[in-house]
Amino acid sequence: MALDLADYERKAREATMVFWGNREKARQKQIEAGKADQGERAGVTGGKNMDGFLSLIIDIIQANGPATAQVHLQRSVLCLPGYFRPTKLWDVLVLNRNQLIAAIELKSQVGPSFGNNFNNRTEEAIGTAHDLWTAYREGAFGNQPRPFVGWLMMVEDAPESRRPVTDRSPHFPVFPEFQKASYLNRYDILCQRLAKEQLYGSATILASPRTASATGDYSELSGLTSLKTFVTTLAGHMAAEAARA
């Protein structure tokens, strides 16, 4: 049976428009209330920026997964046990017959400051995955097949995110692929390695300019980190779970 990709390209464009539109709505709402956050934080604290991608992911799960699968979205039921920490809050959890079959993180970053946020996102992504797989190894989820673990991030496509970056490493050289690489390129390298090291079943980086609020335009950095790779890998995992159910 062919996988159902749920018209993901159209929905991704709609999700991109939602991403930029909701950021602007949150900013305007805070300005009108007279308590706007400083800088770009005003567009983040609304908390709904990635809802379009969340909807796309749910469509993929429901189109391919077991009929009995439960998609959890409420904050109160999104925690999983960790190994190095007691719990971790995810964005989407999917369970079927009391087994964890998917855990997904959705992230975003806009300018003008990309440097510190890149480091924070990198450390978070690596640590989250390592914690989950160690907990899995130690039986935190019972004796079950490996779940799909996904990471999807939207980054503003801007001169600052595409500009070559110089690093300081006075004692040992930086790996060549990172030298003079932009923050978008660095995110692509990160996502490729997260997937190759099997920390995530798929890790995706999308770039989109602010003008995409009207067009839904976004771009991908490589095949391995593309949205198509993410949705096909997720759909394939869900189809396999449906076949086992």
Protein backbone atom coordinates (compact mmCIF):
# COMPACT_ATOMS: atom_id res chain seq x y z
CA MET A 1 0.00 0.00 0.00
CA ALA A 2 1.31 3.44 -0.94
CA LEU A 3 1.96 5.95 1.81
CA ASP A 4 -0.51 8.82 2.18
CA LEU A 5 1.48 12.07 2.43
CA ALA A 6 -1.70 14.09 3.06
CA ASP A 7 -0.98 16.77 0.43
CA TYR A 8 1.89 17.88 2.62
CA GLU A 9 3.35 20.50 0.26
CA ARG A 10 0.17 22.57 0.16
CA LYS A 11 -0.32 22.19 3.91
CA ALA A 12 3.29 23.17 4.56
CA ARG A 13 2.77 26.42 2.64
CA GLU A 14 -0.36 27.08 4.67
CA ALA A 15 1.55 26.23 7.86
CA THR A 16 4.25 28.73 6.89
CA MET A 17 1.68 31.48 6.45
CA VAL A 18 0.23 30.56 9.85
CA PHE A 19 3.72 30.70 11.36
CA TRP A 20 4.38 34.27 10.25
CA GLY A 21 0.78 35.41 10.67
CA ASN A 22 0.52 34.19 14.25
CA ARG A 23 3.81 35.84 15.18
CA GLU A 24 2.49 39.16 13.94
CA LYS A 25 -0.88 38.69 15.66
CA ALA A 26 0.85 37.96 18.98
CA ARG A 27 3.03 41.05 18.60
CA GLN A 28 0.10 43.32 17.77
CA LYS A 29 -1.97 41.93 20.61
CA GLN A 30 0.74 42.75 23.14
CA ILE A 31 1.23 46.23 21.70
CA GLU A 32 -2.49 46.92 21.98
CA ALA A 33 -2.47 45.68 25.57
CA GLY A 34 0.43 48.04 26.35
CA LYS A 35 2.78 45.30 27.52
CA ALA A 36 4.79 44.27 24.49
CA ASP A 37 7.87 42.12 25.13
CA GLN A 38 11.21 43.40 23.99
CA GLY A 39 12.50 42.54 20.51
CA GLU A 40 11.34 39.38 18.80
CA ARG A 41 10.01 37.83 21.99
CA ALA A 42 6.68 39.58 21.36
CA GLY A 43 6.06 37.24 18.45
CA VAL A 44 6.92 34.12 20.40
CA THR A 45 4.94 34.36 23.61
CA GLY A 46 1.62 33.71 21.85
CA GLY A 47 2.72 30.08 21.67
CA LYS A 48 0.82 29.06 18.49
CA ASN A 49 3.43 29.68 15.80
CA MET A 50 3.96 26.05 14.73
CA ASP A 51 0.31 25.00 14.85
CA GLY A 52 0.11 24.60 11.07
CA PHE A 53 2.94 22.07 11.09
CA LEU A 54 1.37 20.37 14.08
CA SER A 55 -1.82 19.93 12.04
CA LEU A 56 0.16 18.51 9.11
CA ILE A 57 1.87 15.98 11.38
CA ILE A 58 -1.47 14.87 12.82
CA ASP A 59 -2.84 14.38 9.28
CA ILE A 60 0.13 12.15 8.39
CA ILE A 61 -0.32 10.09 11.56
CA GLN A 62 -4.05 9.63 11.09
CA ALA A 63 -3.74 8.83 7.38
CA ASN A 64 -1.15 6.06 7.88
CA GLY A 65 -1.17 4.92 11.49
CA PRO A 66 -3.23 2.39 13.42
CA ALA A 67 -6.90 3.26 13.81
CA THR A 68 -6.48 2.86 17.57
CA ALA A 69 -3.53 5.28 17.82
CA GLN A 70 -3.94 8.11 20.32
CA VAL A 71 -2.42 11.49 19.39
CA HIS A 72 -1.68 13.51 22.52
CA LEU A 73 -1.45 17.30 22.27
CA GLN A 74 -2.50 18.60 25.69
CA ARG A 75 0.36 19.80 27.86
CA SER A 76 -0.81 17.67 30.80
CA VAL A 77 -0.20 14.42 28.85
CA LEU A 78 2.96 15.29 26.89
CA CYS A 79 5.61 14.27 29.43
CA LEU A 80 7.83 11.23 29.04
CA PRO A 81 10.25 9.86 31.64
CA GLY A 82 13.90 10.61 31.11
CA TYR A 83 17.12 9.00 32.30
CA PHE A 84 19.20 12.05 33.17
CA ARG A 85 16.16 14.05 34.30
CA PRO A 86 12.78 12.98 35.66
CA THR A 87 10.63 14.01 32.69
CA LYS A 88 10.69 15.78 29.32
CA LEU A 89 7.78 17.71 27.77
CA TRP A 90 7.25 16.98 24.05
CA ASP A 91 5.06 18.70 21.46
CA VAL A 92 3.35 15.57 20.11
CA LEU A 93 3.15 12.06 21.53
CA VAL A 94 1.50 9.12 19.79
CA LEU A 95 0.61 5.96 21.68
CA ASN A 96 -1.06 2.76 20.55
CA ARG A 97 -2.22 0.11 22.98
CA ASN A 98 -0.07 1.67 25.73
CA GLN A 99 3.07 1.66 23.59
CA LEU A 100 4.90 4.84 22.56
CA ILE A 101 5.08 4.94 18.76
CA ALA A 102 6.13 8.57 18.16
CA ALA A 103 7.51 11.62 19.97
CA ILE A 104 8.04 14.86 18.05
CA GLU A 105 9.54 18.28 18.78
CA LEU A 106 8.67 21.45 16.84
CA LYS A 107 11.01 24.45 17.09
CA SER A 108 11.50 27.83 15.46
CA GLN A 109 13.95 30.72 15.42
CA VAL A 110 13.86 34.20 13.92
CA GLY A 111 16.46 36.96 13.89
CA PRO A 112 18.17 39.17 14.48
CA SER A 113 20.18 37.11 17.00
CA PHE A 114 21.01 33.63 15.68
CA GLY A 115 24.28 32.77 17.43
CA ASN A 116 23.26 32.08 21.03
CA ASN A 117 19.96 30.55 19.97
CA PHE A 118 21.71 28.17 17.59
CA ASN A 119 23.91 26.86 20.39
CA ASN A 120 20.95 26.49 22.73
CA ARG A 121 18.86 24.65 20.15
CA THR A 122 21.77 22.35 19.31
CA GLU A 123 22.41 21.40 22.91
CA GLU A 124 18.70 20.91 23.53
CA ALA A 125 18.19 18.67 20.48
CA ILE A 126 21.16 16.43 21.26
CA GLY A 127 20.41 16.22 24.98
CA THR A 128 16.71 15.50 24.49
CA ALA A 129 17.38 12.61 22.11
CA HIS A 130 20.20 11.12 24.19
CA ASP A 131 18.03 11.27 27.30
CA LEU A 132 15.10 9.56 25.58
CA TRP A 133 17.12 6.74 24.03
CA THR A 134 18.95 6.05 27.28
CA ALA A 135 15.61 5.89 29.08
CA TYR A 136 14.34 3.57 26.32
CA ARG A 137 17.36 1.31 26.73
CA GLU A 138 16.76 1.15 30.47
CA GLY A 139 13.14 0.06 30.00
CA ALA A 140 11.32 3.31 30.78
CA PHE A 141 8.70 2.53 28.12
CA GLY A 142 8.58 -1.21 28.62
CA ASN A 143 9.68 -3.88 26.15
CA GLN A 144 8.59 -2.35 22.85
CA PRO A 145 9.94 -1.50 19.36
CA ARG A 146 11.77 1.80 18.87
CA PRO A 147 9.40 4.75 18.45
CA PHE A 148 9.73 7.39 15.75
CA VAL A 149 11.45 10.43 17.22
CA GLY A 150 11.27 13.57 15.08
CA TRP A 151 12.64 17.13 15.19
CA LEU A 152 11.35 19.85 12.87
CA MET A 153 12.52 23.45 12.92
CA MET A 154 11.57 26.62 11.05
CA VAL A 155 14.28 29.32 10.80
CA GLU A 156 13.91 32.79 9.36
CA ASP A 157 15.52 33.10 5.95
CA ALA A 158 17.34 36.41 6.33
CA PRO A 159 20.73 37.94 5.50
CA GLU A 160 21.86 37.26 9.10
CA SER A 161 20.99 33.55 8.91
CA ARG A 162 22.74 33.12 5.51
CA ARG A 163 25.86 35.16 6.27
CA PRO A 164 29.13 33.20 6.78
CA VAL A 165 30.10 33.00 10.44
CA THR A 166 33.62 33.11 11.86
CA ASP A 167 34.43 30.94 14.87
CA ARG A 168 37.16 31.23 17.46
CA SER A 169 38.81 27.99 18.52
CA PRO A 170 42.34 28.92 19.64
CA HIS A 171 43.50 25.43 20.64
CA PHE A 172 42.11 23.06 18.01
CA PRO A 173 40.67 23.65 14.53
CA VAL A 174 36.95 23.66 13.87
CA PHE A 175 35.76 20.88 11.54
CA PRO A 176 36.08 22.12 7.93
CA GLU A 177 32.36 21.87 7.16
CA PHE A 178 31.60 24.39 9.91
CA GLN A 179 34.23 26.92 8.85
CA LYS A 180 32.56 30.04 7.39
CA ALA A 181 29.21 28.20 7.35
CA SER A 182 26.07 30.29 7.87
CA TYR A 183 23.63 29.52 10.66
CA LEU A 184 21.25 27.91 8.18
CA ASN A 185 24.06 25.69 6.90
CA ARG A 186 24.96 24.83 10.48
CA TYR A 187 21.39 23.82 11.21
CA ASP A 188 21.49 21.63 8.12
CA ILE A 189 24.69 19.95 9.29
CA LEU A 190 23.15 19.50 12.74
CA CYS A 191 19.99 17.88 11.35
CA GLN A 192 21.94 15.61 9.01
CA ARG A 193 24.08 14.37 11.87
CA LEU A 194 21.14 13.95 14.23
CA ALA A 195 19.64 11.61 11.65
CA LYS A 196 22.86 9.81 10.72
CA GLU A 197 23.66 9.16 14.37
CA GLN A 198 20.10 7.82 14.77
CA LEU A 199 19.29 10.31 17.49
CA TYR A 200 16.17 11.16 15.47
CA GLY A 201 14.27 9.15 12.90
CA SER A 202 14.17 12.38 10.90
CA ALA A 203 15.37 15.92 11.58
CA THR A 204 14.23 18.74 9.33
CA ILE A 205 15.26 22.35 8.86
CA LEU A 206 13.09 24.77 6.84
CA ALA A 207 13.96 28.37 5.97
CA SER A 208 11.34 31.01 5.32
CA PRO A 209 11.41 34.81 4.86
CA ARG A 210 9.02 37.12 6.68
CA THR A 211 7.29 37.92 3.41
CA ALA A 212 6.01 34.33 3.40
CA SER A 213 3.07 35.43 5.56
CA ALA A 214 1.38 36.16 2.24
CA THR A 215 2.93 33.45 0.05
CA GLY A 216 3.79 30.49 2.27
CA ASP A 217 7.23 30.28 0.67
CA TYR A 218 9.85 28.11 2.37
CA SER A 219 13.04 26.39 1.26
CA GLU A 220 14.95 23.27 2.23
CA LEU A 221 18.68 22.88 2.70
CA SER A 222 19.27 19.26 1.67
CA GLY A 223 17.45 16.07 0.78
CA LEU A 224 18.24 14.37 4.06
CA THR A 225 16.81 17.25 6.08
CA SER A 226 13.87 18.03 3.77
CA LEU A 227 10.23 18.07 4.78
CA LYS A 228 9.52 15.24 2.32
CA THR A 229 12.05 13.05 4.12
CA PHE A 230 10.37 13.88 7.42
CA VAL A 231 6.81 13.14 6.31
CA THR A 232 7.70 9.98 4.38
CA THR A 233 9.71 8.61 7.29
CA LEU A 234 6.90 9.39 9.73
CA ALA A 235 4.27 7.95 7.37
CA GLY A 236 6.34 4.81 6.86
CA HIS A 237 6.72 4.30 10.58
CA MET A 238 2.99 4.79 11.12
CA ALA A 239 2.17 2.34 8.31
CA ALA A 240 4.47 -0.24 9.89
CA GLU A 241 2.72 0.23 13.23
CA ALA A 242 -0.66 -0.17 11.52
CA ALA A 243 0.52 -3.42 9.91
CA ARG A 244 1.66 -4.76 13.30
CA ALA A 245 -1.54 -3.74 15.11
